[in-house]
Each structure stands twice: as C-alpha cells, then as structure tokens.
Amino acid sequence: MNTLLALTSLILLVFSALLLWQFLEQKKMIAQILENEGIPETSQDPELILTLRVLDPISLAKRESRTGRLLADRLPVMTRKMVYQEVMKELEVELEERDIDVEMHIEYR
C-alpha cells in the first residue's frame, strides 16, 4: 500500500513539474511575442470605469419637470443634455453625502 501511495505521489510530482515547465514556456513565448510586436508589457491592472446611460431621457424630463414638458418636443437634444446634467448633479450629491470621492464627466459618443 505504501508503495502505491509513493508511486502515485511520484506521478503527481512529475505531472506538476511538467505543467510548471509548460507554464514557464508559455510565459517566455508571450514575452517574446510582445517584444517582437513592440507592445510594452504592462504590469498594472486595467482601470474600471462605470458608464451610466439614461434609457429614455425625454420621457424622464417630461415626467420630472415643467420645463422638460415644454422643451422635450421642441428641443430634444438640449433636453437630453439637461437630463444628463441633472442626473450627474443628483448622483454627485448622493455620493458626497456618503463620503465617496468620484470624478464624473459627460461623454459624447
């Protein structure tokens, strides 16, 4: 029984060594490809960004404000911009109350 356990342990050790060797070879290959392509190897993690999209800003403006009801049909682009600015202000106030530091921007795509 001890012989069987020792043999199994030896097989697992050899298999683990083989996997480690393969991992190191792949790491070398990736580094070589990055070097050949001139891509710098970045060690920092990607930055996380939260994106918010108001699905129906026109109906929100009509529902939430008198000005929105008047402008929504005549100036929809301006109404959308105003809705996003107001949402941004409200989020900023809420986050400040909770002591969460954020940097907010409106992005046009």
PDB file of N, CA and C in Angstrom:
ATOM      1  N   MET A   1       0.816  -1.184   0.000  1.00  0.00           N
ATOM      2  CA  MET A   1       0.000   0.000   0.000  1.00  0.00           C
ATOM      3  C   MET A   1       0.876   1.271   0.000  1.00  0.00           C
ATOM      4  N   ASN A   2       1.934   1.276   0.802  1.00  0.00           N
ATOM      5  CA  ASN A   2       2.844   2.415   0.842  1.00  0.00           C
ATOM      6  C   ASN A   2       3.515   2.622  -0.503  1.00  0.00           C
ATOM      7  N   THR A   3       3.811   1.534  -1.172  1.00  0.00           N
ATOM      8  CA  THR A   3       4.449   1.612  -2.481  1.00  0.00           C
ATOM      9  C   THR A   3       3.507   2.283  -3.485  1.00  0.00           C
ATOM     10  N   LEU A   4       2.242   1.929  -3.421  1.00  0.00           N
ATOM     11  CA  LEU A   4       1.243   2.515  -4.321  1.00  0.00           C
ATOM     12  C   LEU A   4       1.097   4.016  -4.064  1.00  0.00           C
ATOM     13  N   LEU A   5       1.075   4.431  -2.810  1.00  0.00           N
ATOM     14  CA  LEU A   5       0.987   5.857  -2.470  1.00  0.00           C
ATOM     15  C   LEU A   5       2.240   6.607  -2.925  1.00  0.00           C
ATOM     16  N   ALA A   6       3.390   6.013  -2.737  1.00  0.00           N
ATOM     17  CA  ALA A   6       4.638   6.642  -3.158  1.00  0.00           C
ATOM     18  C   ALA A   6       4.670   6.787  -4.677  1.00  0.00           C
ATOM     19  N   LEU A   7       4.239   5.758  -5.379  1.00  0.00           N
ATOM     20  CA  LEU A   7       4.210   5.786  -6.846  1.00  0.00           C
ATOM     21  C   LEU A   7       3.230   6.857  -7.343  1.00  0.00           C
ATOM     22  N   THR A   8       2.058   6.948  -6.730  1.00  0.00           N
ATOM     23  CA  THR A   8       1.070   7.965  -7.095  1.00  0.00           C
ATOM     24  C   THR A   8       1.615   9.360  -6.827  1.00  0.00           C
ATOM     25  N   SER A   9       2.278   9.535  -5.690  1.00  0.00           N
ATOM     26  CA  SER A   9       2.879  10.834  -5.364  1.00  0.00           C
ATOM     27  C   SER A   9       3.952  11.200  -6.380  1.00  0.00           C
ATOM     28  N   LEU A  10       4.755  10.247  -6.783  1.00  0.00           N
ATOM     29  CA  LEU A  10       5.805  10.494  -7.767  1.00  0.00           C
ATOM     30  C   LEU A  10       5.205  10.883  -9.115  1.00  0.00           C
ATOM     31  N   ILE A  11       4.144  10.201  -9.519  1.00  0.00           N
ATOM     32  CA  ILE A  11       3.483  10.524 -10.790  1.00  0.00           C
ATOM     33  C   ILE A  11       2.901  11.932 -10.739  1.00  0.00           C
ATOM     34  N   LEU A  12       2.265  12.267  -9.620  1.00  0.00           N
ATOM     35  CA  LEU A  12       1.706  13.613  -9.467  1.00  0.00           C
ATOM     36  C   LEU A  12       2.800  14.682  -9.465  1.00  0.00           C
ATOM     37  N   LEU A  13       3.928  14.386  -8.848  1.00  0.00           N
ATOM     38  CA  LEU A  13       5.053  15.310  -8.822  1.00  0.00           C
ATOM     39  C   LEU A  13       5.588  15.554 -10.227  1.00  0.00           C
ATOM     40  N   VAL A  14       5.737  14.494 -11.005  1.00  0.00           N
ATOM     41  CA  VAL A  14       6.231  14.619 -12.379  1.00  0.00           C
ATOM     42  C   VAL A  14       5.228  15.410 -13.223  1.00  0.00           C
ATOM     43  N   PHE A  15       3.945  15.116 -13.045  1.00  0.00           N
ATOM     44  CA  PHE A  15       2.913  15.826 -13.791  1.00  0.00           C
ATOM     45  C   PHE A  15       2.900  17.315 -13.425  1.00  0.00           C
ATOM     46  N   SER A  16       3.052  17.639 -12.149  1.00  0.00           N
ATOM     47  CA  SER A  16       3.108  19.031 -11.695  1.00  0.00           C
ATOM     48  C   SER A  16       4.326  19.740 -12.281  1.00  0.00           C
ATOM     49  N   ALA A  17       5.460  19.063 -12.302  1.00  0.00           N
ATOM     50  CA  ALA A  17       6.672  19.645 -12.874  1.00  0.00           C
ATOM     51  C   ALA A  17       6.482  19.912 -14.369  1.00  0.00           C
ATOM     52  N   LEU A  18       5.818  19.000 -15.061  1.00  0.00           N
ATOM     53  CA  LEU A  18       5.541  19.172 -16.484  1.00  0.00           C
ATOM     54  C   LEU A  18       4.632  20.386 -16.714  1.00  0.00           C
ATOM     55  N   LEU A  19       3.597  20.543 -15.889  1.00  0.00           N
ATOM     56  CA  LEU A  19       2.709  21.699 -16.011  1.00  0.00           C
ATOM     57  C   LEU A  19       3.449  23.010 -15.730  1.00  0.00           C
ATOM     58  N   LEU A  20       4.315  23.016 -14.739  1.00  0.00           N
ATOM     59  CA  LEU A  20       5.103  24.202 -14.427  1.00  0.00           C
ATOM     60  C   LEU A  20       6.011  24.565 -15.590  1.00  0.00           C
ATOM     61  N   TRP A  21       6.649  23.564 -16.166  1.00  0.00           N
ATOM     62  CA  TRP A  21       7.534  23.794 -17.310  1.00  0.00           C
ATOM     63  C   TRP A  21       6.741  24.391 -18.480  1.00  0.00           C
ATOM     64  N   GLN A  22       5.552  23.851 -18.774  1.00  0.00           N
ATOM     65  CA  GLN A  22       4.711  24.365 -19.848  1.00  0.00           C
ATOM     66  C   GLN A  22       4.297  25.820 -19.578  1.00  0.00           C
ATOM     67  N   PHE A  23       3.952  26.111 -18.335  1.00  0.00           N
ATOM     68  CA  PHE A  23       3.575  27.468 -17.953  1.00  0.00           C
ATOM     69  C   PHE A  23       4.724  28.447 -18.194  1.00  0.00           C
ATOM     70  N   LEU A  24       5.911  28.078 -17.767  1.00  0.00           N
ATOM     71  CA  LEU A  24       7.074  28.941 -17.947  1.00  0.00           C
ATOM     72  C   LEU A  24       7.402  29.136 -19.425  1.00  0.00           C
ATOM     73  N   GLU A  25       7.259  28.098 -20.231  1.00  0.00           N
ATOM     74  CA  GLU A  25       7.498  28.204 -21.668  1.00  0.00           C
ATOM     75  C   GLU A  25       6.489  29.153 -22.322  1.00  0.00           C
ATOM     76  N   GLN A  26       5.226  29.043 -21.933  1.00  0.00           N
ATOM     77  CA  GLN A  26       4.218  29.941 -22.491  1.00  0.00           C
ATOM     78  C   GLN A  26       4.482  31.388 -22.085  1.00  0.00           C
ATOM     79  N   LYS A  27       4.914  31.582 -20.862  1.00  0.00           N
ATOM     80  CA  LYS A  27       5.224  32.923 -20.390  1.00  0.00           C
ATOM     81  C   LYS A  27       6.373  33.523 -21.211  1.00  0.00           C
ATOM     82  N   LYS A  28       7.400  32.713 -21.498  1.00  0.00           N
ATOM     83  CA  LYS A  28       8.516  33.171 -22.329  1.00  0.00           C
ATOM     84  C   LYS A  28       8.042  33.512 -23.734  1.00  0.00           C
ATOM     85  N   MET A  29       7.183  32.658 -24.287  1.00  0.00           N
ATOM     86  CA  MET A  29       6.684  32.857 -25.640  1.00  0.00           C
ATOM     87  C   MET A  29       5.866  34.154 -25.721  1.00  0.00           C
ATOM     88  N   ILE A  30       5.030  34.414 -24.734  1.00  0.00           N
ATOM     89  CA  ILE A  30       4.232  35.641 -24.722  1.00  0.00           C
ATOM     90  C   ILE A  30       5.136  36.863 -24.626  1.00  0.00           C
ATOM     91  N   ALA A  31       6.136  36.798 -23.765  1.00  0.00           N
ATOM     92  CA  ALA A  31       7.079  37.912 -23.624  1.00  0.00           C
ATOM     93  C   ALA A  31       7.815  38.157 -24.935  1.00  0.00           C
ATOM     94  N   GLN A  32       8.180  37.093 -25.623  1.00  0.00           N
ATOM     95  CA  GLN A  32       8.888  37.224 -26.895  1.00  0.00           C
ATOM     96  C   GLN A  32       7.983  37.830 -27.971  1.00  0.00           C
ATOM     97  N   ILE A  33       6.723  37.420 -28.011  1.00  0.00           N
ATOM     98  CA  ILE A  33       5.781  37.974 -28.992  1.00  0.00           C
ATOM     99  C   ILE A  33       5.555  39.458 -28.713  1.00  0.00           C
ATOM    100  N   LEU A  34       5.377  39.813 -27.445  1.00  0.00           N
ATOM    101  CA  LEU A  34       5.186  41.218 -27.094  1.00  0.00           C
ATOM    102  C   LEU A  34       6.400  42.050 -27.477  1.00  0.00           C
ATOM    103  N   GLU A  35       7.581  41.493 -27.282  1.00  0.00           N
ATOM    104  CA  GLU A  35       8.817  42.196 -27.630  1.00  0.00           C
ATOM    105  C   GLU A  35       8.931  42.367 -29.140  1.00  0.00           C
ATOM    106  N   ASN A  36       8.614  41.316 -29.899  1.00  0.00           N
ATOM    107  CA  ASN A  36       8.700  41.383 -31.356  1.00  0.00           C
ATOM    108  C   ASN A  36       7.701  42.378 -31.943  1.00  0.00           C
ATOM    109  N   GLU A  37       6.522  42.472 -31.344  1.00  0.00           N
ATOM    110  CA  GLU A  37       5.487  43.375 -31.837  1.00  0.00           C
ATOM    111  C   GLU A  37       5.658  44.800 -31.316  1.00  0.00           C
ATOM    112  N   GLY A  38       6.570  44.990 -30.371  1.00  0.00           N
ATOM    113  CA  GLY A  38       6.805  46.314 -29.813  1.00  0.00           C
ATOM    114  C   GLY A  38       5.736  46.747 -28.829  1.00  0.00           C
ATOM    115  N   ILE A  39       5.023  45.796 -28.270  1.00  0.00           N
ATOM    116  CA  ILE A  39       3.972  46.099 -27.300  1.00  0.00           C
ATOM    117  C   ILE A  39       4.596  46.080 -25.909  1.00  0.00           C
ATOM    118  N   PRO A  40       4.505  47.196 -25.179  1.00  0.00           N
ATOM    119  CA  PRO A  40       5.095  47.204 -23.828  1.00  0.00           C
ATOM    120  C   PRO A  40       4.304  46.297 -22.886  1.00  0.00           C
ATOM    121  N   GLU A  41       5.018  45.609 -22.039  1.00  0.00           N
ATOM    122  CA  GLU A  41       4.371  44.724 -21.075  1.00  0.00           C
ATOM    123  C   GLU A  41       3.921  45.572 -19.889  1.00  0.00           C
ATOM    124  N   THR A  42       2.628  45.653 -19.699  1.00  0.00           N
ATOM    125  CA  THR A  42       2.090  46.473 -18.610  1.00  0.00           C
ATOM    126  C   THR A  42       1.883  45.605 -17.386  1.00  0.00           C
ATOM    127  N   SER A  43       2.292  46.147 -16.257  1.00  0.00           N
ATOM    128  CA  SER A  43       2.149  45.385 -15.020  1.00  0.00           C
ATOM    129  C   SER A  43       0.970  45.867 -14.188  1.00  0.00           C
ATOM    130  N   GLN A  44       0.344  46.981 -14.596  1.00  0.00           N
ATOM    131  CA  GLN A  44      -0.776  47.473 -13.814  1.00  0.00           C
ATOM    132  C   GLN A  44      -2.089  46.913 -14.344  1.00  0.00           C
ATOM    133  N   ASP A  45      -3.054  46.800 -13.436  1.00  0.00           N
ATOM    134  CA  ASP A  45      -4.361  46.288 -13.803  1.00  0.00           C
ATOM    135  C   ASP A  45      -5.131  47.349 -14.582  1.00  0.00           C
ATOM    136  N   PRO A  46      -6.071  46.930 -15.405  1.00  0.00           N
ATOM    137  CA  PRO A  46      -6.857  47.919 -16.147  1.00  0.00           C
ATOM    138  C   PRO A  46      -7.725  48.740 -15.200  1.00  0.00           C
ATOM    139  N   GLU A  47      -8.010  49.945 -15.616  1.00  0.00           N
ATOM    140  CA  GLU A  47      -8.833  50.851 -14.814  1.00  0.00           C
ATOM    141  C   GLU A  47     -10.303  50.519 -15.031  1.00  0.00           C
ATOM    142  N   LEU A  48     -11.075  50.484 -13.960  1.00  0.00           N
ATOM    143  CA  LEU A  48     -12.503  50.215 -14.059  1.00  0.00           C
ATOM    144  C   LEU A  48     -13.262  51.533 -14.155  1.00  0.00           C
ATOM    145  N   ILE A  49     -14.196  51.582 -15.083  1.00  0.00           N
ATOM    146  CA  ILE A  49     -14.983  52.787 -15.287  1.00  0.00           C
ATOM    147  C   ILE A  49     -16.450  52.385 -15.333  1.00  0.00           C
ATOM    148  N   LEU A  50     -17.274  53.141 -14.638  1.00  0.00           N
ATOM    149  CA  LEU A  50     -18.706  52.906 -14.610  1.00  0.00           C
ATOM    150  C   LEU A  50     -19.368  53.825 -15.629  1.00  0.00           C
ATOM    151  N   THR A  51     -20.201  53.261 -16.500  1.00  0.00           N
ATOM    152  CA  THR A  51     -20.899  54.044 -17.506  1.00  0.00           C
ATOM    153  C   THR A  51     -22.390  54.011 -17.194  1.00  0.00           C
ATOM    154  N   LEU A  52     -23.017  55.167 -17.271  1.00  0.00           N
ATOM    155  CA  LEU A  52     -24.440  55.283 -16.993  1.00  0.00           C
ATOM    156  C   LEU A  52     -25.126  55.836 -18.227  1.00  0.00           C
ATOM    157  N   ARG A  53     -26.237  55.211 -18.610  1.00  0.00           N
ATOM    158  CA  ARG A  53     -26.995  55.685 -19.766  1.00  0.00           C
ATOM    159  C   ARG A  53     -28.460  55.783 -19.358  1.00  0.00           C
ATOM    160  N   VAL A  54     -29.041  56.948 -19.522  1.00  0.00           N
ATOM    161  CA  VAL A  54     -30.466  57.127 -19.253  1.00  0.00           C
ATOM    162  C   VAL A  54     -31.199  56.616 -20.484  1.00  0.00           C
ATOM    163  N   LEU A  55     -32.041  55.611 -20.300  1.00  0.00           N
ATOM    164  CA  LEU A  55     -32.658  54.954 -21.446  1.00  0.00           C
ATOM    165  C   LEU A  55     -33.675  55.822 -22.185  1.00  0.00           C
ATOM    166  N   ASP A  56     -34.445  56.596 -21.466  1.00  0.00           N
ATOM    167  CA  ASP A  56     -35.429  57.453 -22.124  1.00  0.00           C
ATOM    168  C   ASP A  56     -35.413  58.838 -21.479  1.00  0.00           C
ATOM    169  N   PRO A  57     -34.423  59.670 -21.834  1.00  0.00           N
ATOM    170  CA  PRO A  57     -34.288  60.968 -21.172  1.00  0.00           C
ATOM    171  C   PRO A  57     -35.450  61.926 -21.460  1.00  0.00           C
ATOM    172  N   ILE A  58     -36.071  61.799 -22.631  1.00  0.00           N
ATOM    173  CA  ILE A  58     -37.161  62.706 -22.983  1.00  0.00           C
ATOM    174  C   ILE A  58     -38.369  62.477 -22.076  1.00  0.00           C
ATOM    175  N   SER A  59     -38.755  61.215 -21.907  1.00  0.00           N
ATOM    176  CA  SER A  59     -39.901  60.938 -21.033  1.00  0.00           C
ATOM    177  C   SER A  59     -39.571  61.244 -19.579  1.00  0.00           C
ATOM    178  N   LEU A  60     -38.323  61.065 -19.180  1.00  0.00           N
ATOM    179  CA  LEU A  60     -37.908  61.426 -17.825  1.00  0.00           C
ATOM    180  C   LEU A  60     -38.043  62.931 -17.617  1.00  0.00           C
ATOM    181  N   ALA A  61     -37.619  63.719 -18.591  1.00  0.00           N
ATOM    182  CA  ALA A  61     -37.731  65.173 -18.491  1.00  0.00           C
ATOM    183  C   ALA A  61     -39.191  65.596 -18.414  1.00  0.00           C
ATOM    184  N   LYS A  62     -40.037  64.976 -19.234  1.00  0.00           N
ATOM    185  CA  LYS A  62     -41.465  65.300 -19.209  1.00  0.00           C
ATOM    186  C   LYS A  62     -42.092  64.955 -17.867  1.00  0.00           C
ATOM    187  N   ARG A  63     -41.670  63.843 -17.303  1.00  0.00           N
ATOM    188  CA  ARG A  63     -42.251  63.373 -16.045  1.00  0.00           C
ATOM    189  C   ARG A  63     -41.772  64.185 -14.847  1.00  0.00           C
ATOM    190  N   GLU A  64     -40.519  64.630 -14.861  1.00  0.00           N
ATOM    191  CA  GLU A  64     -39.920  65.225 -13.672  1.00  0.00           C
ATOM    192  C   GLU A  64     -39.954  66.750 -13.594  1.00  0.00           C
ATOM    193  N   SER A  65     -40.149  67.437 -14.730  1.00  0.00           N
ATOM    194  CA  SER A  65     -40.110  68.896 -14.627  1.00  0.00           C
ATOM    195  C   SER A  65     -41.070  69.555 -15.611  1.00  0.00           C
ATOM    196  N   ARG A  66     -41.511  70.717 -15.210  1.00  0.00           N
ATOM    197  CA  ARG A  66     -42.413  71.501 -16.059  1.00  0.00           C
ATOM    198  C   ARG A  66     -41.663  71.997 -17.291  1.00  0.00           C
ATOM    199  N   THR A  67     -40.434  72.434 -17.101  1.00  0.00           N
ATOM    200  CA  THR A  67     -39.606  72.898 -18.217  1.00  0.00           C
ATOM    201  C   THR A  67     -39.363  71.758 -19.206  1.00  0.00           C
ATOM    202  N   GLY A  68     -39.153  70.563 -18.662  1.00  0.00           N
ATOM    203  CA  GLY A  68     -38.941  69.405 -19.518  1.00  0.00           C
ATOM    204  C   GLY A  68     -40.140  69.114 -20.393  1.00  0.00           C
ATOM    205  N   ARG A  69     -41.340  69.279 -19.836  1.00  0.00           N
ATOM    206  CA  ARG A  69     -42.556  69.064 -20.637  1.00  0.00           C
ATOM    207  C   ARG A  69     -42.648  70.068 -21.783  1.00  0.00           C
ATOM    208  N   LEU A  70     -42.199  71.294 -21.527  1.00  0.00           N
ATOM    209  CA  LEU A  70     -42.279  72.332 -22.559  1.00  0.00           C
ATOM    210  C   LEU A  70     -41.201  72.173 -23.625  1.00  0.00           C
ATOM    211  N   LEU A  71     -39.986  71.802 -23.208  1.00  0.00           N
ATOM    212  CA  LEU A  71     -38.855  71.754 -24.139  1.00  0.00           C
ATOM    213  C   LEU A  71     -38.656  70.414 -24.845  1.00  0.00           C
ATOM    214  N   ALA A  72     -39.132  69.345 -24.263  1.00  0.00           N
ATOM    215  CA  ALA A  72     -38.805  67.995 -24.756  1.00  0.00           C
ATOM    216  C   ALA A  72     -39.142  67.798 -26.220  1.00  0.00           C
ATOM    217  N   ASP A  73     -40.297  68.251 -26.651  1.00  0.00           N
ATOM    218  CA  ASP A  73     -40.701  68.032 -28.045  1.00  0.00           C
ATOM    219  C   ASP A  73     -40.064  69.035 -29.004  1.00  0.00           C
ATOM    220  N   ARG A  74     -39.744  70.215 -28.501  1.00  0.00           N
ATOM    221  CA  ARG A  74     -39.195  71.262 -29.376  1.00  0.00           C
ATOM    222  C   ARG A  74     -37.670  71.224 -29.471  1.00  0.00           C
ATOM    223  N   LEU A  75     -37.006  70.906 -28.355  1.00  0.00           N
ATOM    224  CA  LEU A  75     -35.540  70.893 -28.313  1.00  0.00           C
ATOM    225  C   LEU A  75     -35.050  69.583 -27.658  1.00  0.00           C
ATOM    226  N   PRO A  76     -35.169  68.470 -28.356  1.00  0.00           N
ATOM    227  CA  PRO A  76     -34.819  67.179 -27.727  1.00  0.00           C
ATOM    228  C   PRO A  76     -33.331  67.039 -27.382  1.00  0.00           C
ATOM    229  N   VAL A  77     -32.446  67.600 -28.188  1.00  0.00           N
ATOM    230  CA  VAL A  77     -31.010  67.482 -27.905  1.00  0.00           C
ATOM    231  C   VAL A  77     -30.662  68.246 -26.633  1.00  0.00           C
ATOM    232  N   MET A  78     -31.184  69.447 -26.528  1.00  0.00           N
ATOM    233  CA  MET A  78     -30.939  70.245 -25.334  1.00  0.00           C
ATOM    234  C   MET A  78     -31.563  69.585 -24.105  1.00  0.00           C
ATOM    235  N   THR A  79     -32.745  68.998 -24.274  1.00  0.00           N
ATOM    236  CA  THR A  79     -33.416  68.319 -23.162  1.00  0.00           C
ATOM    237  C   THR A  79     -32.587  67.142 -22.682  1.00  0.00           C
ATOM    238  N   ARG A  80     -32.057  66.341 -23.594  1.00  0.00           N
ATOM    239  CA  ARG A  80     -31.204  65.202 -23.211  1.00  0.00           C
ATOM    240  C   ARG A  80     -29.987  65.676 -22.415  1.00  0.00           C
ATOM    241  N   LYS A  81     -29.383  66.749 -22.904  1.00  0.00           N
ATOM    242  CA  LYS A  81     -28.201  67.286 -22.220  1.00  0.00           C
ATOM    243  C   LYS A  81     -28.557  67.750 -20.815  1.00  0.00           C
ATOM    244  N   MET A  82     -29.671  68.412 -20.669  1.00  0.00           N
ATOM    245  CA  MET A  82     -30.110  68.888 -19.357  1.00  0.00           C
ATOM    246  C   MET A  82     -30.423  67.723 -18.415  1.00  0.00           C
ATOM    247  N   VAL A  83     -31.032  66.669 -18.951  1.00  0.00           N
ATOM    248  CA  VAL A  83     -31.331  65.490 -18.129  1.00  0.00           C
ATOM    249  C   VAL A  83     -30.045  64.878 -17.608  1.00  0.00           C
ATOM    250  N   TYR A  84     -29.057  64.708 -18.466  1.00  0.00           N
ATOM    251  CA  TYR A  84     -27.785  64.123 -18.032  1.00  0.00           C
ATOM    252  C   TYR A  84     -27.083  65.009 -17.005  1.00  0.00           C
ATOM    253  N   GLN A  85     -27.133  66.320 -17.198  1.00  0.00           N
ATOM    254  CA  GLN A  85     -26.511  67.222 -16.230  1.00  0.00           C
ATOM    255  C   GLN A  85     -27.198  67.119 -14.871  1.00  0.00           C
ATOM    256  N   GLU A  86     -28.514  67.027 -14.880  1.00  0.00           N
ATOM    257  CA  GLU A  86     -29.250  66.929 -13.623  1.00  0.00           C
ATOM    258  C   GLU A  86     -29.000  65.585 -12.934  1.00  0.00           C
ATOM    259  N   VAL A  87     -28.967  64.509 -13.702  1.00  0.00           N
ATOM    260  CA  VAL A  87     -28.659  63.190 -13.126  1.00  0.00           C
ATOM    261  C   VAL A  87     -27.267  63.209 -12.510  1.00  0.00           C
ATOM    262  N   MET A  88     -26.334  63.837 -13.203  1.00  0.00           N
ATOM    263  CA  MET A  88     -24.968  63.922 -12.693  1.00  0.00           C
ATOM    264  C   MET A  88     -24.923  64.715 -11.389  1.00  0.00           C
ATOM    265  N   LYS A  89     -25.646  65.825 -11.306  1.00  0.00           N
ATOM    266  CA  LYS A  89     -25.689  66.621 -10.074  1.00  0.00           C
ATOM    267  C   LYS A  89     -26.262  65.808  -8.920  1.00  0.00           C
ATOM    268  N   GLU A  90     -27.365  65.097  -9.182  1.00  0.00           N
ATOM    269  CA  GLU A  90     -28.001  64.320  -8.123  1.00  0.00           C
ATOM    270  C   GLU A  90     -27.105  63.175  -7.648  1.00  0.00           C
ATOM    271  N   LEU A  91     -26.440  62.523  -8.567  1.00  0.00           N
ATOM    272  CA  LEU A  91     -25.507  61.456  -8.181  1.00  0.00           C
ATOM    273  C   LEU A  91     -24.349  62.009  -7.362  1.00  0.00           C
ATOM    274  N   GLU A  92     -23.853  63.158  -7.778  1.00  0.00           N
ATOM    275  CA  GLU A  92     -22.734  63.775  -7.067  1.00  0.00           C
ATOM    276  C   GLU A  92     -23.124  64.115  -5.625  1.00  0.00           C
ATOM    277  N   VAL A  93     -24.310  64.660  -5.436  1.00  0.00           N
ATOM    278  CA  VAL A  93     -24.783  64.999  -4.092  1.00  0.00           C
ATOM    279  C   VAL A  93     -24.915  63.732  -3.240  1.00  0.00           C
ATOM    280  N   GLU A  94     -25.522  62.713  -3.817  1.00  0.00           N
ATOM    281  CA  GLU A  94     -25.706  61.455  -3.076  1.00  0.00           C
ATOM    282  C   GLU A  94     -24.371  60.831  -2.689  1.00  0.00           C
ATOM    283  N   LEU A  95     -23.428  60.829  -3.598  1.00  0.00           N
ATOM    284  CA  LEU A  95     -22.127  60.233  -3.306  1.00  0.00           C
ATOM    285  C   LEU A  95     -21.338  61.062  -2.298  1.00  0.00           C
ATOM    286  N   GLU A  96     -21.462  62.382  -2.371  1.00  0.00           N
ATOM    287  CA  GLU A  96     -20.794  63.233  -1.381  1.00  0.00           C
ATOM    288  C   GLU A  96     -21.347  62.996   0.011  1.00  0.00           C
ATOM    289  N   GLU A  97     -22.661  62.801   0.120  1.00  0.00           N
ATOM    290  CA  GLU A  97     -23.271  62.507   1.417  1.00  0.00           C
ATOM    291  C   GLU A  97     -22.713  61.229   2.022  1.00  0.00           C
ATOM    292  N   ARG A  98     -22.335  60.300   1.169  1.00  0.00           N
ATOM    293  CA  ARG A  98     -21.796  59.016   1.633  1.00  0.00           C
ATOM    294  C   ARG A  98     -20.274  59.012   1.669  1.00  0.00           C
ATOM    295  N   ASP A  99     -19.640  60.160   1.485  1.00  0.00           N
ATOM    296  CA  ASP A  99     -18.179  60.305   1.502  1.00  0.00           C
ATOM    297  C   ASP A  99     -17.480  59.403   0.479  1.00  0.00           C
ATOM    298  N   ILE A 100     -18.020  59.367  -0.720  1.00  0.00           N
ATOM    299  CA  ILE A 100     -17.416  58.601  -1.814  1.00  0.00           C
ATOM    300  C   ILE A 100     -16.851  59.604  -2.811  1.00  0.00           C
ATOM    301  N   ASP A 101     -15.534  59.595  -2.970  1.00  0.00           N
ATOM    302  CA  ASP A 101     -14.879  60.506  -3.904  1.00  0.00           C
ATOM    303  C   ASP A 101     -14.986  59.946  -5.327  1.00  0.00           C
ATOM    304  N   VAL A 102     -15.531  60.745  -6.219  1.00  0.00           N
ATOM    305  CA  VAL A 102     -15.671  60.327  -7.610  1.00  0.00           C
ATOM    306  C   VAL A 102     -15.273  61.466  -8.538  1.00  0.00           C
ATOM    307  N   GLU A 103     -15.003  61.103  -9.744  1.00  0.00           N
ATOM    308  CA  GLU A 103     -14.733  62.058 -10.806  1.00  0.00           C
ATOM    309  C   GLU A 103     -15.746  61.757 -11.900  1.00  0.00           C
ATOM    310  N   MET A 104     -16.621  62.715 -12.209  1.00  0.00           N
ATOM    311  CA  MET A 104     -17.685  62.465 -13.182  1.00  0.00           C
ATOM    312  C   MET A 104     -17.516  63.380 -14.392  1.00  0.00           C
ATOM    313  N   HIS A 105     -17.808  62.825 -15.548  1.00  0.00           N
ATOM    314  CA  HIS A 105     -17.753  63.573 -16.809  1.00  0.00           C
ATOM    315  C   HIS A 105     -18.936  63.127 -17.667  1.00  0.00           C
ATOM    316  N   ILE A 106     -19.392  64.022 -18.507  1.00  0.00           N
ATOM    317  CA  ILE A 106     -20.372  63.637 -19.521  1.00  0.00           C
ATOM    318  C   ILE A 106     -19.583  63.399 -20.794  1.00  0.00           C
ATOM    319  N   GLU A 107     -19.802  62.255 -21.398  1.00  0.00           N
ATOM    320  CA  GLU A 107     -19.054  61.856 -22.581  1.00  0.00           C
ATOM    321  C   GLU A 107     -19.999  61.791 -23.767  1.00  0.00           C
ATOM    322  N   TYR A 108     -19.650  62.400 -24.860  1.00  0.00           N
ATOM    323  CA  TYR A 108     -20.475  62.360 -26.065  1.00  0.00           C
ATOM    324  C   TYR A 108     -19.909  61.312 -27.010  1.00  0.00           C
ATOM    325  N   ARG A 109     -20.783  60.434 -27.475  1.00  0.00           N
ATOM    326  CA  ARG A 109     -20.329  59.363 -28.413  1.00  0.00           C
ATOM    327  C   ARG A 109     -21.130  59.413 -29.677  1.00  0.00           C
TER     328      ARG A 109
END
